[in-house]
Protein backbone atom coordinates (compact mmCIF):
# COMPACT_ATOMS: atom_id res chain seq x y z
CA MET A 1 0.00 0.00 0.00
CA ASP A 2 1.50 3.30 -0.99
CA ALA A 3 1.77 6.34 1.27
CA HIS A 4 -0.95 8.25 -0.60
CA ILE A 5 -3.57 5.57 0.05
CA ARG A 6 -2.56 5.26 3.70
CA LYS A 7 -2.68 9.05 4.17
CA VAL A 8 -6.06 9.46 2.48
CA TYR A 9 -7.87 6.43 3.94
CA VAL A 10 -6.38 5.75 7.38
CA PRO A 11 -8.16 6.72 9.53
CA MET A 12 -11.25 6.35 7.36
CA THR A 13 -14.39 8.38 7.33
CA GLU A 14 -17.45 6.59 8.63
CA THR A 15 -18.91 6.68 5.11
CA GLY A 16 -15.79 5.12 3.60
CA PHE A 17 -15.72 2.43 6.25
CA TYR A 18 -19.32 1.40 5.65
CA ILE A 19 -18.93 1.44 1.87
CA LEU A 20 -15.96 -0.93 2.00
CA LEU A 21 -17.68 -3.08 4.60
CA CYS A 22 -20.75 -3.42 2.38
CA LEU A 23 -18.71 -4.11 -0.75
CA GLN A 24 -17.28 -7.33 0.62
CA HIS A 25 -20.15 -8.63 -1.52
CA GLU A 26 -21.16 -7.12 -4.85
CA ALA A 27 -23.59 -4.20 -4.48
CA HIS A 28 -24.87 -1.13 -6.25
CA GLY A 29 -25.19 2.32 -4.73
CA TYR A 30 -28.77 2.10 -3.54
CA GLY A 31 -28.08 -1.34 -2.07
CA ILE A 32 -25.16 0.11 -0.11
CA VAL A 33 -27.37 2.92 1.25
CA GLN A 34 -29.98 0.38 2.37
CA GLN A 35 -27.42 -1.95 3.92
CA VAL A 36 -25.75 0.87 5.88
CA GLU A 37 -29.11 2.00 7.25
CA SER A 38 -29.89 -1.58 8.23
CA LEU A 39 -26.47 -2.23 9.83
CA THR A 40 -26.67 0.98 11.86
CA ARG A 41 -30.40 0.71 12.67
CA GLY A 42 -30.98 3.98 10.82
CA GLU A 43 -28.32 5.95 12.69
CA VAL A 44 -26.12 6.41 9.61
CA ARG A 45 -27.62 7.56 6.34
CA ILE A 46 -25.42 8.20 3.36
CA SER A 47 -26.69 10.81 0.93
CA PRO A 48 -26.49 10.05 -2.80
CA GLY A 49 -23.97 12.86 -3.40
CA THR A 50 -21.66 11.59 -0.68
CA LEU A 51 -22.05 7.98 -1.78
CA TYR A 52 -21.38 8.49 -5.46
CA GLY A 53 -18.48 10.86 -4.80
CA SER A 54 -16.93 8.27 -2.48
CA LEU A 55 -17.51 5.40 -4.91
CA SER A 56 -15.87 7.38 -7.71
CA LYS A 57 -12.84 8.27 -5.58
CA MET A 58 -12.47 4.72 -4.23
CA GLU A 59 -12.67 3.29 -7.74
CA ARG A 60 -10.04 5.75 -8.98
CA ASP A 61 -7.77 4.83 -6.05
CA GLY A 62 -8.22 1.08 -6.66
CA LEU A 63 -10.09 0.20 -3.44
CA ILE A 64 -13.17 -0.97 -5.32
CA ARG A 65 -13.88 -2.00 -8.89
CA LEU A 66 -16.88 -1.92 -11.17
CA VAL A 67 -18.13 -5.45 -11.76
CA ARG A 68 -20.97 -4.75 -14.19
CA GLU A 69 -23.92 -2.55 -14.96
CA GLN A 70 -27.29 -4.02 -14.10
CA ASP A 71 -30.53 -2.21 -14.95
CA LYS A 72 -28.61 1.08 -15.28
CA ARG A 73 -27.02 0.53 -11.86
CA LYS A 74 -23.28 0.10 -11.41
CA VAL A 75 -22.36 -2.91 -9.29
CA TYR A 76 -19.10 -2.69 -7.33
CA VAL A 77 -16.97 -4.99 -5.20
CA ILE A 78 -13.98 -4.41 -2.92
CA THR A 79 -10.47 -5.11 -4.28
CA ASP A 80 -7.50 -6.66 -2.47
CA LEU A 81 -6.21 -3.15 -1.76
CA GLY A 82 -9.62 -2.19 -0.38
CA ARG A 83 -9.58 -5.25 1.89
CA GLU A 84 -6.15 -4.25 3.14
CA VAL A 85 -7.33 -0.71 3.93
CA LEU A 86 -10.51 -2.03 5.57
CA GLY A 87 -8.44 -4.42 7.68
CA LEU A 88 -6.20 -1.58 8.87
CA GLU A 89 -9.23 0.45 9.84
CA MET A 90 -10.87 -2.47 11.64
CA ARG A 91 -7.71 -3.05 13.67
CA ARG A 92 -7.56 0.68 14.48
CA ILE A 93 -11.19 0.64 15.67
CA GLU A 94 -10.60 -2.52 17.71
CA ARG A 95 -7.55 -0.88 19.33
CA LEU A 96 -9.60 2.22 20.19
CA TYR A 97 -12.35 0.08 21.67
CA GLN A 98 -9.89 -1.95 23.73
CA THR A 99 -8.16 1.20 24.99
CA MET A 100 -11.54 2.68 25.99
CA ARG A 101 -12.50 -0.49 27.90
CA GLU A 102 -9.16 -0.55 29.70
CA ALA A 103 -9.40 3.15 30.60
CA ARG A 104 -12.90 2.62 32.01
CA ALA A 105 -11.70 -0.28 34.16
CA SER A 106 -8.87 1.77 35.71
């Protein structure tokens, strides 16, 4: 992973995190929006402008790739680089959570 990708994506925005999390399986934009709302019980809602801007940037940077167009919808999936970035962010979040739990116990 090059320095540019690490600088831009770690730490990730909440939107970026959820997009990569959802794209572990093929999905189109509207499907991602629905899945994020479901995963977060409606607490996180990604607007179309934010979603499509993020998808475009992530595709350009090689974190996701276009699989096909289906009924005028673009279907994406995460790439190996995207999985690597998502893994870094998951470990960072786990570390934060563990630190918080340890600080509470002190």
